[in-house]
Amino acid sequence: MQSSIPSQYLLILVSLAADRDHSIKALCEGTTLTLDSLQHLGARVDEVDADRVIANTLKLIPEPALGLILGQHLNLGAHAIIGQAFLACSDLLEVLQLLDQYAPLLIGSRTQLSVYEDIARDRIGVTLELEGAAETMPFTYQAIFSGIQKTTSDLLDSKSLDWEIDLPFSKPKDIAPYLGIFGDKVRFSSDKARLSCPSHFTRTPLSTSNRTLRTVYENECARLLAHLADDATCTEQTLTILNKLEGQYPQLAQIAAMFNVSTRTYRRRLQEEGTTFQALLDQTRLELAQHQLVRSDISIATIAHALGFSDTSNFRRAFIQWSGISPSKWRKSHLEKARLKNG
């Protein structure tokens, strides 16, 4: 998968540098980037070039909190189609799950973002793991966490979400910029990078919620994510889309439209790779069903609904067709194997 970020993020950084009388030529030294290339609609920037621009900027603007400043300029419009998908979500938990699913579209594939839940402390948040140049890592942590704080606060129209943040770098001399954005629960030199808020904030309904629009926007996000894997086969790109649209499975014609080809061409490409759309859909549904069946606290009826089945009996018949046994027998067998393995 290509490792790239949206050009609009760098455009905002360029704007911040211009406000300090620095030219884009100086910022883009060592790359082939220009203002025109960055302004192209839908343009993306390879992360190697992005790192170079960031490194150049930090040399020209030695502000320890520059990443925090950039993050606060990332409003919903800066996130393009994913920003629209965020607005259409039901609550903040859906926003975080969407961010988890489509993080590569926003922060590149080298950066690993995951949603986590601390049940004991009743908090939900995200963790970050970065790859790349050490000199730009503090900036990147700052920008991503500050951007998440800005986005979620805008969605809930509230700046005070009782944030807690852990950062894996040394405490700077001036922590006031951190306190101004995240509050007083800021920790440095941590073993992991985390940002969290109380769980009840994530269940607050969003006034902009729209289930129909969310499906439209998420379909486009899935298409864009599959497009990043330009060296992947049609089968691999289809599986990427189906896995990302968990429980919202498009029809064959919709998938073909995402690839900008006719249904006939799409069928032929899959046939040449030795598969069919129905086989890939069945594979995706089986894997999701098995993933959920390992949890004994999720009812089979709930799993059936999550996979798009109108009733449990239809799901049961399909599962037997896919795996050879019923979902209840599969669950019982898996739990028994796990019990024996754990002694």
C-alpha atoms as a PDB file:
ATOM      1  CA  MET A   1       0.000   0.000   0.000  1.00  0.00           C
ATOM      2  CA  GLN A   2       1.214   3.493  -0.808  1.00  0.00           C
ATOM      3  CA  SER A   3       2.297   5.380   2.293  1.00  0.00           C
ATOM      4  CA  SER A   4       1.087   8.928   1.771  1.00  0.00           C
ATOM      5  CA  ILE A   5      -0.858  11.727   3.415  1.00  0.00           C
ATOM      6  CA  PRO A   6      -3.351  14.276   2.024  1.00  0.00           C
ATOM      7  CA  SER A   7      -1.643  17.300   0.489  1.00  0.00           C
ATOM      8  CA  GLN A   8      -3.977  19.670   2.326  1.00  0.00           C
ATOM      9  CA  TYR A   9      -2.191  18.932   5.595  1.00  0.00           C
ATOM     10  CA  LEU A  10       1.087  20.161   4.117  1.00  0.00           C
ATOM     11  CA  LEU A  11      -0.703  23.152   2.589  1.00  0.00           C
ATOM     12  CA  ILE A  12      -1.741  24.209   6.077  1.00  0.00           C
ATOM     13  CA  LEU A  13       1.865  23.803   7.237  1.00  0.00           C
ATOM     14  CA  VAL A  14       3.005  25.890   4.251  1.00  0.00           C
ATOM     15  CA  SER A  15       0.490  28.562   5.250  1.00  0.00           C
ATOM     16  CA  LEU A  16       1.837  28.616   8.815  1.00  0.00           C
ATOM     17  CA  ALA A  17       5.364  28.989   7.440  1.00  0.00           C
ATOM     18  CA  ALA A  18       4.274  31.758   5.050  1.00  0.00           C
ATOM     19  CA  ASP A  19       2.840  33.672   8.018  1.00  0.00           C
ATOM     20  CA  ARG A  20       6.398  33.597   9.378  1.00  0.00           C
ATOM     21  CA  ASP A  21       7.877  34.818   6.082  1.00  0.00           C
ATOM     22  CA  HIS A  22       9.253  31.486   4.848  1.00  0.00           C
ATOM     23  CA  SER A  23       8.877  30.445   1.208  1.00  0.00           C
ATOM     24  CA  ILE A  24       7.456  27.175  -0.051  1.00  0.00           C
ATOM     25  CA  LYS A  25      10.668  26.679  -2.014  1.00  0.00           C
ATOM     26  CA  ALA A  26      12.632  26.514   1.225  1.00  0.00           C
ATOM     27  CA  LEU A  27      10.092  24.157   2.808  1.00  0.00           C
ATOM     28  CA  CYS A  28      10.086  21.775  -0.160  1.00  0.00           C
ATOM     29  CA  GLU A  29      13.856  21.677  -0.662  1.00  0.00           C
ATOM     30  CA  GLY A  30      14.997  18.124  -1.418  1.00  0.00           C
ATOM     31  CA  THR A  31      11.622  17.138  -2.912  1.00  0.00           C
ATOM     32  CA  THR A  32       9.850  17.627  -6.239  1.00  0.00           C
ATOM     33  CA  LEU A  33       6.841  19.230  -4.536  1.00  0.00           C
ATOM     34  CA  THR A  34       5.512  22.607  -5.642  1.00  0.00           C
ATOM     35  CA  LEU A  35       2.598  24.778  -4.583  1.00  0.00           C
ATOM     36  CA  ASP A  36       0.707  23.726  -7.730  1.00  0.00           C
ATOM     37  CA  SER A  37       1.176  20.015  -7.017  1.00  0.00           C
ATOM     38  CA  LEU A  38       0.009  20.445  -3.426  1.00  0.00           C
ATOM     39  CA  GLN A  39      -3.071  22.394  -4.486  1.00  0.00           C
ATOM     40  CA  HIS A  40      -4.278  19.706  -6.900  1.00  0.00           C
ATOM     41  CA  LEU A  41      -7.645  18.375  -5.728  1.00  0.00           C
ATOM     42  CA  GLY A  42      -7.257  14.975  -4.074  1.00  0.00           C
ATOM     43  CA  ALA A  43      -3.454  15.084  -4.239  1.00  0.00           C
ATOM     44  CA  ARG A  44      -1.455  12.968  -1.829  1.00  0.00           C
ATOM     45  CA  VAL A  45       2.170  13.303  -0.746  1.00  0.00           C
ATOM     46  CA  ASP A  46       4.537  10.390  -0.234  1.00  0.00           C
ATOM     47  CA  GLU A  47       5.487  10.171   3.452  1.00  0.00           C
ATOM     48  CA  VAL A  48       9.208  10.410   2.630  1.00  0.00           C
ATOM     49  CA  ASP A  49       8.590  13.773   0.971  1.00  0.00           C
ATOM     50  CA  ALA A  50       6.267  14.782   3.813  1.00  0.00           C
ATOM     51  CA  ASP A  51       8.985  13.984   6.355  1.00  0.00           C
ATOM     52  CA  ARG A  52      11.430  16.128   4.369  1.00  0.00           C
ATOM     53  CA  VAL A  53       9.020  19.080   4.295  1.00  0.00           C
ATOM     54  CA  ILE A  54       8.395  18.740   8.027  1.00  0.00           C
ATOM     55  CA  ALA A  55      12.126  18.505   8.767  1.00  0.00           C
ATOM     56  CA  ASN A  56      12.782  21.597   6.635  1.00  0.00           C
ATOM     57  CA  THR A  57      10.001  23.470   8.393  1.00  0.00           C
ATOM     58  CA  LEU A  58      11.287  22.596  11.858  1.00  0.00           C
ATOM     59  CA  LYS A  59      14.724  23.958  10.924  1.00  0.00           C
ATOM     60  CA  LEU A  60      13.196  27.192   9.702  1.00  0.00           C
ATOM     61  CA  ILE A  61      10.639  27.476  12.519  1.00  0.00           C
ATOM     62  CA  PRO A  62      12.170  26.089  15.740  1.00  0.00           C
ATOM     63  CA  GLU A  63       8.888  26.197  17.671  1.00  0.00           C
ATOM     64  CA  PRO A  64       8.633  23.147  19.995  1.00  0.00           C
ATOM     65  CA  ALA A  65       4.829  23.216  19.782  1.00  0.00           C
ATOM     66  CA  LEU A  66       4.507  23.661  16.005  1.00  0.00           C
ATOM     67  CA  GLY A  67       2.767  20.291  15.619  1.00  0.00           C
ATOM     68  CA  LEU A  68       0.152  21.302  18.179  1.00  0.00           C
ATOM     69  CA  ILE A  69      -0.450  24.524  16.271  1.00  0.00           C
ATOM     70  CA  LEU A  70      -0.888  22.616  13.003  1.00  0.00           C
ATOM     71  CA  GLY A  71      -3.329  20.182  14.618  1.00  0.00           C
ATOM     72  CA  GLN A  72      -5.542  23.030  15.801  1.00  0.00           C
ATOM     73  CA  HIS A  73      -5.860  24.179  12.166  1.00  0.00           C
ATOM     74  CA  LEU A  74      -7.191  20.781  11.057  1.00  0.00           C
ATOM     75  CA  ASN A  75     -10.916  21.420  10.997  1.00  0.00           C
ATOM     76  CA  LEU A  76     -13.398  18.957   9.514  1.00  0.00           C
ATOM     77  CA  GLY A  77     -12.961  20.448   6.050  1.00  0.00           C
ATOM     78  CA  ALA A  78      -9.246  19.623   6.137  1.00  0.00           C
ATOM     79  CA  HIS A  79     -10.080  15.894   6.311  1.00  0.00           C
ATOM     80  CA  ALA A  80     -12.017  16.016   3.009  1.00  0.00           C
ATOM     81  CA  ILE A  81     -14.382  13.042   2.457  1.00  0.00           C
ATOM     82  CA  ILE A  82     -13.545  11.471   5.830  1.00  0.00           C
ATOM     83  CA  GLY A  83     -14.472  14.743   7.521  1.00  0.00           C
ATOM     84  CA  GLN A  84     -17.896  14.472   5.892  1.00  0.00           C
ATOM     85  CA  ALA A  85     -18.151  10.868   7.084  1.00  0.00           C
ATOM     86  CA  PHE A  86     -17.300  11.997  10.620  1.00  0.00           C
ATOM     87  CA  LEU A  87     -20.139  14.516  10.533  1.00  0.00           C
ATOM     88  CA  ALA A  88     -22.605  11.821   9.455  1.00  0.00           C
ATOM     89  CA  CYS A  89     -21.723   9.461  12.338  1.00  0.00           C
ATOM     90  CA  SER A  90     -24.193   8.812  15.156  1.00  0.00           C
ATOM     91  CA  ASP A  91     -21.761   9.540  17.982  1.00  0.00           C
ATOM     92  CA  LEU A  92     -18.092  10.016  18.817  1.00  0.00           C
ATOM     93  CA  LEU A  93     -17.522   6.278  19.219  1.00  0.00           C
ATOM     94  CA  GLU A  94     -18.467   5.776  15.565  1.00  0.00           C
ATOM     95  CA  VAL A  95     -16.086   8.595  14.649  1.00  0.00           C
ATOM     96  CA  LEU A  96     -13.203   6.874  16.446  1.00  0.00           C
ATOM     97  CA  GLN A  97     -14.060   3.535  14.815  1.00  0.00           C
ATOM     98  CA  LEU A  98     -14.147   5.212  11.408  1.00  0.00           C
ATOM     99  CA  LEU A  99     -10.789   6.841  12.143  1.00  0.00           C
ATOM    100  CA  ASP A 100      -9.409   3.423  13.083  1.00  0.00           C
ATOM    101  CA  GLN A 101     -10.684   1.879   9.832  1.00  0.00           C
ATOM    102  CA  TYR A 102      -9.492   4.578   7.468  1.00  0.00           C
ATOM    103  CA  ALA A 103      -6.450   5.972   9.268  1.00  0.00           C
ATOM    104  CA  PRO A 104      -4.126   5.265   6.290  1.00  0.00           C
ATOM    105  CA  LEU A 105      -6.102   7.799   4.238  1.00  0.00           C
ATOM    106  CA  LEU A 106      -5.286  10.512   6.783  1.00  0.00           C
ATOM    107  CA  ILE A 107      -1.963   9.638   8.394  1.00  0.00           C
ATOM    108  CA  GLY A 108      -0.357   7.148   6.014  1.00  0.00           C
ATOM    109  CA  SER A 109       0.212   3.427   6.372  1.00  0.00           C
ATOM    110  CA  ARG A 110       3.461   3.744   8.354  1.00  0.00           C
ATOM    111  CA  THR A 111       1.596   5.221  11.314  1.00  0.00           C
ATOM    112  CA  GLN A 112      -0.439   2.651  13.250  1.00  0.00           C
ATOM    113  CA  LEU A 113      -3.540   4.050  14.961  1.00  0.00           C
ATOM    114  CA  SER A 114      -5.812   1.856  17.080  1.00  0.00           C
ATOM    115  CA  VAL A 115      -8.875   2.517  19.208  1.00  0.00           C
ATOM    116  CA  TYR A 116      -8.658   1.084  22.727  1.00  0.00           C
ATOM    117  CA  GLU A 117     -10.973   0.909  25.710  1.00  0.00           C
ATOM    118  CA  ASP A 118      -9.913   1.026  29.347  1.00  0.00           C
ATOM    119  CA  ILE A 119     -12.936  -0.644  30.928  1.00  0.00           C
ATOM    120  CA  ALA A 120     -11.598  -0.379  34.476  1.00  0.00           C
ATOM    121  CA  ARG A 121     -11.278   3.399  34.191  1.00  0.00           C
ATOM    122  CA  ASP A 122     -14.247   3.839  31.842  1.00  0.00           C
ATOM    123  CA  ARG A 123     -12.194   5.611  29.184  1.00  0.00           C
ATOM    124  CA  ILE A 124     -11.901   5.287  25.397  1.00  0.00           C
ATOM    125  CA  GLY A 125      -9.134   6.581  23.208  1.00  0.00           C
ATOM    126  CA  VAL A 126      -6.514   5.908  20.568  1.00  0.00           C
ATOM    127  CA  THR A 127      -2.918   4.722  20.568  1.00  0.00           C
ATOM    128  CA  LEU A 128      -0.255   5.675  18.019  1.00  0.00           C
ATOM    129  CA  GLU A 129       2.860   3.923  16.797  1.00  0.00           C
ATOM    130  CA  LEU A 130       5.095   5.859  14.412  1.00  0.00           C
ATOM    131  CA  GLU A 131       7.763   4.936  11.916  1.00  0.00           C
ATOM    132  CA  GLY A 132       9.992   7.493  10.252  1.00  0.00           C
ATOM    133  CA  ALA A 133      12.652  10.049  11.056  1.00  0.00           C
ATOM    134  CA  ALA A 134      13.275  10.562  14.771  1.00  0.00           C
ATOM    135  CA  GLU A 135      13.618  14.315  14.274  1.00  0.00           C
ATOM    136  CA  THR A 136      10.018  14.649  13.083  1.00  0.00           C
ATOM    137  CA  MET A 137       8.338  12.208  15.466  1.00  0.00           C
ATOM    138  CA  PRO A 138       7.467  14.663  18.297  1.00  0.00           C
ATOM    139  CA  PHE A 139       5.939  16.984  15.694  1.00  0.00           C
ATOM    140  CA  THR A 140       3.892  14.131  14.201  1.00  0.00           C
ATOM    141  CA  TYR A 141       2.602  12.967  17.590  1.00  0.00           C
ATOM    142  CA  GLN A 142       1.655  16.549  18.400  1.00  0.00           C
ATOM    143  CA  ALA A 143      -0.105  17.141  15.080  1.00  0.00           C
ATOM    144  CA  ILE A 144      -2.140  13.912  15.099  1.00  0.00           C
ATOM    145  CA  PHE A 145      -3.273  14.139  18.717  1.00  0.00           C
ATOM    146  CA  SER A 146      -3.969  17.857  18.464  1.00  0.00           C
ATOM    147  CA  GLY A 147      -5.925  17.222  15.257  1.00  0.00           C
ATOM    148  CA  ILE A 148      -8.011  14.509  16.938  1.00  0.00           C
ATOM    149  CA  GLN A 149      -8.731  16.829  19.868  1.00  0.00           C
ATOM    150  CA  LYS A 150      -9.741  19.606  17.465  1.00  0.00           C
ATOM    151  CA  THR A 151     -11.972  17.348  15.344  1.00  0.00           C
ATOM    152  CA  THR A 152     -13.777  15.671  18.238  1.00  0.00           C
ATOM    153  CA  SER A 153     -14.243  18.952  20.083  1.00  0.00           C
ATOM    154  CA  ASP A 154     -15.729  20.548  16.964  1.00  0.00           C
ATOM    155  CA  LEU A 155     -18.113  17.614  16.512  1.00  0.00           C
ATOM    156  CA  LEU A 156     -19.344  17.882  20.105  1.00  0.00           C
ATOM    157  CA  ASP A 157     -19.037  21.672  20.207  1.00  0.00           C
ATOM    158  CA  SER A 158     -16.997  21.338  23.379  1.00  0.00           C
ATOM    159  CA  LYS A 159     -13.321  21.889  24.182  1.00  0.00           C
ATOM    160  CA  SER A 160     -13.486  20.255  27.624  1.00  0.00           C
ATOM    161  CA  LEU A 161     -13.634  16.468  27.223  1.00  0.00           C
ATOM    162  CA  ASP A 162     -11.439  15.619  30.227  1.00  0.00           C
ATOM    163  CA  TRP A 163      -8.578  14.474  28.017  1.00  0.00           C
ATOM    164  CA  GLU A 164      -5.637  12.369  29.147  1.00  0.00           C
ATOM    165  CA  ILE A 165      -2.555  12.193  26.946  1.00  0.00           C
ATOM    166  CA  ASP A 166       0.634  10.156  27.151  1.00  0.00           C
ATOM    167  CA  LEU A 167       3.564  11.121  24.925  1.00  0.00           C
ATOM    168  CA  PRO A 168       6.708   9.021  24.307  1.00  0.00           C
ATOM    169  CA  PHE A 169       9.202  11.884  24.332  1.00  0.00           C
ATOM    170  CA  SER A 170      10.827  14.067  26.978  1.00  0.00           C
ATOM    171  CA  LYS A 171       8.965  16.842  28.726  1.00  0.00           C
ATOM    172  CA  PRO A 172       9.636  20.191  27.012  1.00  0.00           C
ATOM    173  CA  LYS A 173      10.560  23.323  28.933  1.00  0.00           C
ATOM    174  CA  ASP A 174       7.200  24.916  28.184  1.00  0.00           C
ATOM    175  CA  ILE A 175       4.177  22.638  28.536  1.00  0.00           C
ATOM    176  CA  ALA A 176       1.617  25.458  28.472  1.00  0.00           C
ATOM    177  CA  PRO A 177       0.597  24.733  24.837  1.00  0.00           C
ATOM    178  CA  TYR A 178      -0.208  21.124  25.809  1.00  0.00           C
ATOM    179  CA  LEU A 179      -2.197  22.199  28.856  1.00  0.00           C
ATOM    180  CA  GLY A 180      -4.146  24.709  26.783  1.00  0.00           C
ATOM    181  CA  ILE A 181      -5.304  22.004  24.355  1.00  0.00           C
ATOM    182  CA  PHE A 182      -5.587  18.837  26.451  1.00  0.00           C
ATOM    183  CA  GLY A 183      -5.984  20.087  30.022  1.00  0.00           C
ATOM    184  CA  ASP A 184      -3.746  19.204  32.963  1.00  0.00           C
ATOM    185  CA  LYS A 185      -3.558  15.402  32.443  1.00  0.00           C
ATOM    186  CA  VAL A 186      -0.492  15.439  30.208  1.00  0.00           C
ATOM    187  CA  ARG A 187       2.319  12.930  30.716  1.00  0.00           C
ATOM    188  CA  PHE A 188       5.677  12.700  28.953  1.00  0.00           C
ATOM    189  CA  SER A 189       8.344   9.979  28.556  1.00  0.00           C
ATOM    190  CA  SER A 190       5.576   7.379  28.429  1.00  0.00           C
ATOM    191  CA  ASP A 191       6.009   3.856  27.073  1.00  0.00           C
ATOM    192  CA  LYS A 192       3.146   4.391  24.617  1.00  0.00           C
ATOM    193  CA  ALA A 193       1.432   7.288  22.877  1.00  0.00           C
ATOM    194  CA  ARG A 194      -2.214   7.512  23.972  1.00  0.00           C
ATOM    195  CA  LEU A 195      -5.069   9.995  23.971  1.00  0.00           C
ATOM    196  CA  SER A 196      -8.316   9.220  25.799  1.00  0.00           C
ATOM    197  CA  CYS A 197     -11.498  10.721  27.198  1.00  0.00           C
ATOM    198  CA  PRO A 198     -14.289   9.388  29.444  1.00  0.00           C
ATOM    199  CA  SER A 199     -16.472   6.815  27.669  1.00  0.00           C
ATOM    200  CA  HIS A 200     -19.691   8.763  28.201  1.00  0.00           C
ATOM    201  CA  PHE A 201     -18.494  11.509  25.852  1.00  0.00           C
ATOM    202  CA  THR A 202     -18.239   8.985  23.031  1.00  0.00           C
ATOM    203  CA  ARG A 203     -21.917   8.086  23.421  1.00  0.00           C
ATOM    204  CA  THR A 204     -23.162  11.659  23.029  1.00  0.00           C
ATOM    205  CA  PRO A 205     -25.351  11.848  19.877  1.00  0.00           C
ATOM    206  CA  LEU A 206     -24.059  14.102  17.090  1.00  0.00           C
ATOM    207  CA  SER A 207     -26.536  16.676  15.801  1.00  0.00           C
ATOM    208  CA  THR A 208     -25.211  16.202  12.261  1.00  0.00           C
ATOM    209  CA  SER A 209     -25.805  12.428  12.194  1.00  0.00           C
ATOM    210  CA  ASN A 210     -27.147  10.989   8.932  1.00  0.00           C
ATOM    211  CA  ARG A 211     -27.049   7.235   8.349  1.00  0.00           C
ATOM    212  CA  THR A 212     -27.730   7.480   4.607  1.00  0.00           C
ATOM    213  CA  LEU A 213     -24.934   9.978   4.004  1.00  0.00           C
ATOM    214  CA  ARG A 214     -22.564   8.017   6.209  1.00  0.00           C
ATOM    215  CA  THR A 215     -23.006   4.957   3.980  1.00  0.00           C
ATOM    216  CA  VAL A 216     -22.315   7.064   0.876  1.00  0.00           C
ATOM    217  CA  TYR A 217     -19.205   8.656   2.384  1.00  0.00           C
ATOM    218  CA  GLU A 218     -17.899   5.397   3.832  1.00  0.00           C
ATOM    219  CA  ASN A 219     -18.272   3.659   0.466  1.00  0.00           C
ATOM    220  CA  GLU A 220     -16.065   6.359  -1.021  1.00  0.00           C
ATOM    221  CA  CYS A 221     -13.539   6.021   1.821  1.00  0.00           C
ATOM    222  CA  ALA A 222     -13.337   2.288   1.163  1.00  0.00           C
ATOM    223  CA  ARG A 223     -12.821   2.903  -2.551  1.00  0.00           C
ATOM    224  CA  LEU A 224     -10.028   5.397  -1.863  1.00  0.00           C
ATOM    225  CA  LEU A 225      -8.335   3.012   0.555  1.00  0.00           C
ATOM    226  CA  ALA A 226      -8.429   0.211  -1.996  1.00  0.00           C
ATOM    227  CA  HIS A 227      -7.052   2.610  -4.611  1.00  0.00           C
ATOM    228  CA  LEU A 228      -3.981   3.245  -2.450  1.00  0.00           C
ATOM    229  CA  ALA A 229      -3.104  -0.410  -2.896  1.00  0.00           C
ATOM    230  CA  ASP A 230      -2.460   0.157  -6.597  1.00  0.00           C
ATOM    231  CA  ASP A 231      -0.230  -2.890  -6.818  1.00  0.00           C
ATOM    232  CA  ALA A 232      -2.887  -5.145  -5.316  1.00  0.00           C
ATOM    233  CA  THR A 233      -4.993  -7.533  -7.354  1.00  0.00           C
ATOM    234  CA  CYS A 234      -8.678  -6.930  -8.002  1.00  0.00           C
ATOM    235  CA  THR A 235      -9.371  -9.687  -5.451  1.00  0.00           C
ATOM    236  CA  GLU A 236      -7.222  -8.000  -2.786  1.00  0.00           C
ATOM    237  CA  GLN A 237      -8.777  -4.591  -3.422  1.00  0.00           C
ATOM    238  CA  THR A 238     -12.277  -6.090  -3.226  1.00  0.00           C
ATOM    239  CA  LEU A 239     -11.477  -7.792   0.086  1.00  0.00           C
ATOM    240  CA  THR A 240     -10.113  -4.477   1.413  1.00  0.00           C
ATOM    241  CA  ILE A 241     -13.399  -2.764   0.601  1.00  0.00           C
ATOM    242  CA  LEU A 242     -15.583  -5.550   2.009  1.00  0.00           C
ATOM    243  CA  ASN A 243     -13.563  -5.748   5.240  1.00  0.00           C
ATOM    244  CA  LYS A 244     -13.751  -1.993   5.746  1.00  0.00           C
ATOM    245  CA  LEU A 245     -17.495  -1.900   5.058  1.00  0.00           C
ATOM    246  CA  GLU A 246     -18.155  -4.418   7.800  1.00  0.00           C
ATOM    247  CA  GLY A 247     -21.874  -5.244   7.859  1.00  0.00           C
ATOM    248  CA  GLN A 248     -22.683  -2.787   5.034  1.00  0.00           C
ATOM    249  CA  TYR A 249     -21.938  -4.998   2.050  1.00  0.00           C
ATOM    250  CA  PRO A 250     -22.416  -3.382  -1.382  1.00  0.00           C
ATOM    251  CA  GLN A 251     -23.777  -5.188  -4.410  1.00  0.00           C
ATOM    252  CA  LEU A 252     -21.485  -6.302  -7.237  1.00  0.00           C
ATOM    253  CA  ALA A 253     -22.526  -3.320  -9.373  1.00  0.00           C
ATOM    254  CA  GLN A 254     -21.621  -0.899  -6.580  1.00  0.00           C
ATOM    255  CA  ILE A 255     -18.155  -2.416  -6.188  1.00  0.00           C
ATOM    256  CA  ALA A 256     -17.617  -2.242  -9.947  1.00  0.00           C
ATOM    257  CA  ALA A 257     -18.602   1.429  -9.857  1.00  0.00           C
ATOM    258  CA  MET A 258     -16.020   2.044  -7.108  1.00  0.00           C
ATOM    259  CA  PHE A 259     -13.384   0.686  -9.510  1.00  0.00           C
ATOM    260  CA  ASN A 260     -14.811   2.797 -12.362  1.00  0.00           C
ATOM    261  CA  VAL A 261     -15.383  -0.285 -14.548  1.00  0.00           C
ATOM    262  CA  SER A 262     -18.431  -2.073 -15.896  1.00  0.00           C
ATOM    263  CA  THR A 263     -19.857  -5.061 -14.038  1.00  0.00           C
ATOM    264  CA  ARG A 264     -18.802  -7.257 -16.967  1.00  0.00           C
ATOM    265  CA  THR A 265     -15.183  -6.069 -16.758  1.00  0.00           C
ATOM    266  CA  TYR A 266     -15.169  -6.442 -12.998  1.00  0.00           C
ATOM    267  CA  ARG A 267     -16.495 -10.030 -13.206  1.00  0.00           C
ATOM    268  CA  ARG A 268     -13.896 -10.871 -15.839  1.00  0.00           C
ATOM    269  CA  ARG A 269     -11.013  -9.561 -13.719  1.00  0.00           C
ATOM    270  CA  LEU A 270     -12.101 -11.657 -10.756  1.00  0.00           C
ATOM    271  CA  GLN A 271     -12.588 -14.690 -13.007  1.00  0.00           C
ATOM    272  CA  GLU A 272      -9.047 -14.267 -14.334  1.00  0.00           C
ATOM    273  CA  GLU A 273      -7.863 -14.348 -10.709  1.00  0.00           C
ATOM    274  CA  GLY A 274      -9.823 -17.535 -10.060  1.00  0.00           C
ATOM    275  CA  THR A 275     -12.656 -16.185  -7.926  1.00  0.00           C
ATOM    276  CA  THR A 276     -16.049 -14.457  -7.949  1.00  0.00           C
ATOM    277  CA  PHE A 277     -17.615 -11.563  -6.079  1.00  0.00           C
ATOM    278  CA  GLN A 278     -19.972 -13.930  -4.233  1.00  0.00           C
ATOM    279  CA  ALA A 279     -17.048 -16.104  -3.093  1.00  0.00           C
ATOM    280  CA  LEU A 280     -15.227 -13.032  -1.728  1.00  0.00           C
ATOM    281  CA  LEU A 281     -18.394 -11.803  -0.016  1.00  0.00           C
ATOM    282  CA  ASP A 282     -18.937 -15.226   1.569  1.00  0.00           C
ATOM    283  CA  GLN A 283     -15.297 -15.337   2.692  1.00  0.00           C
ATOM    284  CA  THR A 284     -15.577 -11.901   4.289  1.00  0.00           C
ATOM    285  CA  ARG A 285     -18.821 -12.730   6.061  1.00  0.00           C
ATOM    286  CA  LEU A 286     -17.472 -16.053   7.348  1.00  0.00           C
ATOM    287  CA  GLU A 287     -14.330 -14.425   8.756  1.00  0.00           C
ATOM    288  CA  LEU A 288     -16.363 -11.700  10.475  1.00  0.00           C
ATOM    289  CA  ALA A 289     -18.822 -14.253  11.850  1.00  0.00           C
ATOM    290  CA  GLN A 290     -16.008 -16.400  13.259  1.00  0.00           C
ATOM    291  CA  HIS A 291     -14.325 -13.332  14.733  1.00  0.00           C
ATOM    292  CA  GLN A 292     -17.515 -12.476  16.617  1.00  0.00           C
ATOM    293  CA  LEU A 293     -18.416 -16.064  17.542  1.00  0.00           C
ATOM    294  CA  VAL A 294     -15.258 -16.387  19.642  1.00  0.00           C
ATOM    295  CA  ARG A 295     -16.910 -13.943  22.043  1.00  0.00           C
ATOM    296  CA  SER A 296     -19.500 -15.846  24.051  1.00  0.00           C
ATOM    297  CA  ASP A 297     -21.167 -12.576  25.156  1.00  0.00           C
ATOM    298  CA  ILE A 298     -22.415 -11.812  21.620  1.00  0.00           C
ATOM    299  CA  SER A 299     -25.620 -13.597  20.664  1.00  0.00           C
ATOM    300  CA  ILE A 300     -25.915 -15.382  17.353  1.00  0.00           C
ATOM    301  CA  ALA A 301     -28.908 -13.198  16.513  1.00  0.00           C
ATOM    302  CA  THR A 302     -26.745 -10.091  17.005  1.00  0.00           C
ATOM    303  CA  ILE A 303     -24.040 -11.550  14.759  1.00  0.00           C
ATOM    304  CA  ALA A 304     -26.620 -12.397  12.090  1.00  0.00           C
ATOM    305  CA  HIS A 305     -27.873  -8.809  12.113  1.00  0.00           C
ATOM    306  CA  ALA A 306     -24.311  -7.418  11.940  1.00  0.00           C
ATOM    307  CA  LEU A 307     -23.689  -9.491   8.817  1.00  0.00           C
ATOM    308  CA  GLY A 308     -26.810  -8.162   7.120  1.00  0.00           C
ATOM    309  CA  PHE A 309     -29.108 -11.175   7.570  1.00  0.00           C
ATOM    310  CA  SER A 310     -32.792 -10.523   8.173  1.00  0.00           C
ATOM    311  CA  ASP A 311     -33.144 -13.437  10.589  1.00  0.00           C
ATOM    312  CA  THR A 312     -31.050 -15.996  12.433  1.00  0.00           C
ATOM    313  CA  SER A 313     -32.227 -18.996  10.428  1.00  0.00           C
ATOM    314  CA  ASN A 314     -30.953 -17.488   7.164  1.00  0.00           C
ATOM    315  CA  PHE A 315     -27.609 -16.800   8.819  1.00  0.00           C
ATOM    316  CA  ARG A 316     -27.446 -20.347  10.179  1.00  0.00           C
ATOM    317  CA  ARG A 317     -28.058 -21.858   6.733  1.00  0.00           C
ATOM    318  CA  ALA A 318     -25.435 -19.602   5.150  1.00  0.00           C
ATOM    319  CA  PHE A 319     -22.859 -20.382   7.851  1.00  0.00           C
ATOM    320  CA  ILE A 320     -23.357 -24.130   7.360  1.00  0.00           C
ATOM    321  CA  GLN A 321     -22.880 -23.631   3.621  1.00  0.00           C
ATOM    322  CA  TRP A 322     -19.646 -21.680   4.238  1.00  0.00           C
ATOM    323  CA  SER A 323     -18.067 -23.811   6.947  1.00  0.00           C
ATOM    324  CA  GLY A 324     -19.870 -27.151   7.028  1.00  0.00           C
ATOM    325  CA  ILE A 325     -21.214 -26.757  10.580  1.00  0.00           C
ATOM    326  CA  SER A 326     -23.697 -24.508  12.385  1.00  0.00           C
ATOM    327  CA  PRO A 327     -22.545 -21.306  14.127  1.00  0.00           C
ATOM    328  CA  SER A 328     -23.466 -22.704  17.565  1.00  0.00           C
ATOM    329  CA  LYS A 329     -21.412 -25.857  16.959  1.00  0.00           C
ATOM    330  CA  TRP A 330     -18.492 -23.793  15.637  1.00  0.00           C
ATOM    331  CA  ARG A 331     -18.590 -21.603  18.750  1.00  0.00           C
ATOM    332  CA  LYS A 332     -18.769 -24.606  21.074  1.00  0.00           C
ATOM    333  CA  SER A 333     -15.837 -26.290  19.309  1.00  0.00           C
ATOM    334  CA  HIS A 334     -13.713 -23.136  19.378  1.00  0.00           C
ATOM    335  CA  LEU A 335     -14.378 -22.462  23.060  1.00  0.00           C
ATOM    336  CA  GLU A 336     -13.555 -26.066  23.908  1.00  0.00           C
ATOM    337  CA  LYS A 337     -10.246 -25.862  22.017  1.00  0.00           C
ATOM    338  CA  ALA A 338      -9.409 -22.604  23.781  1.00  0.00           C
ATOM    339  CA  ARG A 339     -10.211 -24.150  27.189  1.00  0.00           C
ATOM    340  CA  LEU A 340      -7.943 -27.137  26.516  1.00  0.00           C
ATOM    341  CA  LYS A 341      -5.163 -24.900  25.241  1.00  0.00           C
ATOM    342  CA  ASN A 342      -5.285 -22.734  28.364  1.00  0.00           C
ATOM    343  CA  GLY A 343      -5.334 -25.799  30.627  1.00  0.00           C
END
